Amino acid sequence: MLAETICSAVSAAGLGIAAITAYRRRFLAATRIAAYSLVPAGLVLAGAVQWVVDTAFSPSAWLGFGLLGAAWLLFMTTRVVERRSTGTRRERKAAAAARRAGAESGAATPALGSSAPEAGAPRSRPKATAADDFSDIEAILKKHGI
C-alpha cells in the first residue's frame, strides 16, 4: 500500500513539473517529463508494483534468485574450464602437427652449410645502430626547430 502511494505521489509531482515546463513554452521537454511521470502510475495500475513488493519480501523468492545465481555461476565456471582445456588441447595438436610436418620435410631441407635462404623463413632486417636512432631523433628535433 505504501509503494502504491509513493508511486502515485511521484506521478503527480512529475505531472506538476510537466505543467510548469509547458507554461514556460518548452513543450517538447514537458511532453517528455509527462511521459516519464506516467510510468509509475502505469506500473501501479498494472499490478507490477505489488508483484515487486511481494517478491522483495518473500524468502522463497530470494531463495529462488539465489539458486538461479548458483546455476549461473556453475555454468560460467564450466565454460571457463572448457575453454582452458580446449585451448591446451588445440595447442598440443598444433605442436604435434608441426613436429610431424618437420619430420616429414626433414629430408628435403638443405644442409646447414647451404647459402640459399629457405623460402618460408622470415628475412631478418639489418640491426639499427645507435647512430641511426639518434639521426632520426635529430631530424625530428630540427623539423620542430629545437
Protein backbone atom coordinates (compact mmCIF):
# COMPACT_ATOMS: atom_id res chain seq x y z
CA MET A 1 0.00 0.00 0.00
CA LEU A 2 2.87 2.35 0.79
CA ALA A 3 4.60 1.62 -2.52
CA GLU A 4 1.46 2.48 -4.48
CA THR A 5 1.09 5.75 -2.59
CA ILE A 6 4.72 6.70 -3.26
CA CYS A 7 4.39 5.89 -6.97
CA SER A 8 1.19 7.93 -7.22
CA ALA A 9 2.85 10.89 -5.49
CA VAL A 10 5.83 10.69 -7.83
CA SER A 11 3.48 10.68 -10.83
CA ALA A 12 1.54 13.66 -9.53
CA ALA A 13 4.73 15.62 -8.86
CA GLY A 14 6.05 14.77 -12.32
CA LEU A 15 2.85 15.95 -13.98
CA GLY A 16 3.08 19.18 -12.00
CA ILE A 17 6.64 19.74 -13.19
CA ALA A 18 5.50 18.98 -16.74
CA ALA A 19 2.74 21.60 -16.44
CA ILE A 20 5.24 24.22 -15.23
CA THR A 21 7.59 23.32 -18.08
CA ALA A 22 4.76 23.63 -20.61
CA TYR A 23 3.84 27.03 -19.12
CA ARG A 24 7.41 28.13 -19.93
CA ARG A 25 6.73 27.14 -23.55
CA ARG A 26 9.11 24.18 -23.57
CA PHE A 27 6.54 21.75 -24.93
CA LEU A 28 8.90 19.02 -26.07
CA ALA A 29 10.55 18.79 -22.65
CA ALA A 30 7.15 18.99 -20.94
CA THR A 31 5.86 16.08 -23.01
CA ARG A 32 8.94 14.02 -22.16
CA ILE A 33 8.56 14.78 -18.42
CA ALA A 34 4.87 13.87 -18.56
CA ALA A 35 5.71 10.56 -20.23
CA TYR A 36 8.26 9.71 -17.53
CA SER A 37 5.87 10.70 -14.76
CA LEU A 38 3.12 8.44 -16.08
CA VAL A 39 5.32 5.32 -15.84
CA PRO A 40 4.98 4.84 -12.04
CA ALA A 41 1.21 5.27 -12.22
CA GLY A 42 1.04 2.74 -15.03
CA LEU A 43 3.10 0.26 -13.02
CA VAL A 44 0.76 0.66 -10.04
CA LEU A 45 -2.34 0.13 -12.16
CA ALA A 46 -0.82 -2.89 -13.92
CA GLY A 47 -0.03 -4.55 -10.59
CA ALA A 48 3.70 -4.65 -11.21
CA VAL A 49 4.45 -2.69 -8.03
CA GLN A 50 2.52 -5.16 -5.88
CA TRP A 51 4.35 -8.06 -7.54
CA VAL A 52 7.74 -6.42 -6.87
CA VAL A 53 6.82 -5.75 -3.24
CA ASP A 54 5.62 -9.33 -2.78
CA THR A 55 8.80 -10.63 -4.37
CA ALA A 56 11.12 -8.36 -2.38
CA PHE A 57 9.73 -9.50 0.98
CA SER A 58 9.35 -13.19 0.13
CA PRO A 59 12.05 -15.56 1.46
CA SER A 60 11.18 -18.19 -1.12
CA ALA A 61 11.67 -15.64 -3.93
CA TRP A 62 15.13 -14.78 -2.57
CA LEU A 63 15.94 -18.50 -2.33
CA GLY A 64 14.91 -18.84 -5.97
CA PHE A 65 17.13 -15.91 -7.00
CA GLY A 66 19.99 -17.50 -5.03
CA LEU A 67 19.53 -20.80 -6.85
CA LEU A 68 19.46 -19.00 -10.20
CA GLY A 69 22.70 -17.22 -9.26
CA ALA A 70 24.32 -20.51 -8.24
CA ALA A 71 23.26 -22.13 -11.52
CA TRP A 72 24.67 -19.21 -13.49
CA LEU A 73 27.94 -19.40 -11.53
CA LEU A 74 28.27 -23.14 -12.22
CA PHE A 75 27.52 -22.61 -15.89
CA MET A 76 30.14 -19.90 -16.26
CA THR A 77 32.72 -21.96 -14.34
CA THR A 78 32.24 -24.91 -16.68
CA ARG A 79 32.63 -22.62 -19.70
CA VAL A 80 35.91 -21.24 -18.37
CA VAL A 81 37.26 -24.73 -17.64
CA GLU A 82 36.15 -25.97 -21.04
CA ARG A 83 37.86 -23.08 -22.82
CA ARG A 84 41.10 -23.67 -20.96
CA SER A 85 41.13 -27.39 -21.64
CA THR A 86 40.13 -26.90 -25.28
CA GLY A 87 42.86 -24.31 -25.73
CA THR A 88 45.56 -26.60 -24.38
CA ARG A 89 44.25 -29.46 -26.47
CA ARG A 90 44.44 -27.29 -29.57
CA GLU A 91 47.97 -26.21 -28.71
CA ARG A 92 49.05 -29.81 -28.20
CA LYS A 93 47.50 -30.84 -31.54
CA ALA A 94 49.18 -27.94 -33.33
CA ALA A 95 52.56 -28.76 -31.79
CA ALA A 96 52.23 -32.43 -32.75
CA ALA A 97 51.26 -31.47 -36.31
CA ALA A 98 54.25 -29.13 -36.55
CA ARG A 99 56.58 -31.87 -35.32
CA ARG A 100 55.14 -34.31 -37.86
CA ALA A 101 55.46 -31.75 -40.67
CA GLY A 102 59.04 -31.03 -39.62
CA ALA A 103 59.93 -34.70 -39.55
CA GLU A 104 58.38 -35.34 -42.97
CA SER A 105 60.14 -32.41 -44.63
CA GLY A 106 63.41 -33.00 -42.78
CA ALA A 107 64.95 -34.96 -45.67
CA ALA A 108 64.08 -32.23 -48.15
CA THR A 109 65.72 -29.39 -46.21
CA PRO A 110 69.14 -28.21 -47.38
CA ALA A 111 72.26 -28.82 -45.36
CA LEU A 112 73.42 -26.30 -42.79
CA GLY A 113 76.25 -25.09 -44.98
CA SER A 114 73.92 -24.09 -47.80
CA SER A 115 73.88 -20.40 -48.57
CA ALA A 116 70.38 -20.28 -50.12
CA PRO A 117 67.74 -18.97 -47.73
CA GLU A 118 64.64 -21.06 -47.12
CA ALA A 119 61.51 -19.99 -48.92
CA GLY A 120 59.32 -19.88 -45.79
CA ALA A 121 61.91 -18.37 -43.46
CA PRO A 122 61.35 -14.75 -42.48
CA ARG A 123 64.03 -12.38 -43.65
CA SER A 124 65.89 -10.59 -40.94
CA ARG A 125 66.33 -6.84 -41.09
CA PRO A 126 69.72 -5.35 -40.50
CA LYS A 127 70.13 -4.20 -36.93
CA ALA A 128 69.85 -0.48 -36.40
CA THR A 129 72.81 1.14 -34.78
CA ALA A 130 72.71 3.80 -32.11
CA ALA A 131 73.81 6.42 -34.65
CA ASP A 132 70.78 5.66 -36.83
CA ASP A 133 68.46 6.10 -33.85
CA PHE A 134 69.98 9.45 -32.93
CA SER A 135 69.88 10.71 -36.52
CA ASP A 136 66.13 10.11 -36.59
CA ILE A 137 65.71 11.99 -33.33
CA GLU A 138 67.89 14.85 -34.57
CA ALA A 139 65.80 15.09 -37.75
CA ILE A 140 62.61 15.34 -35.73
CA LEU A 141 64.07 17.99 -33.44
CA LYS A 142 65.31 20.04 -36.40
CA LYS A 143 61.90 19.78 -38.01
CA HIS A 144 60.31 21.34 -34.93
CA GLY A 145 63.03 23.98 -34.60
CA ILE A 146 64.60 22.63 -31.44
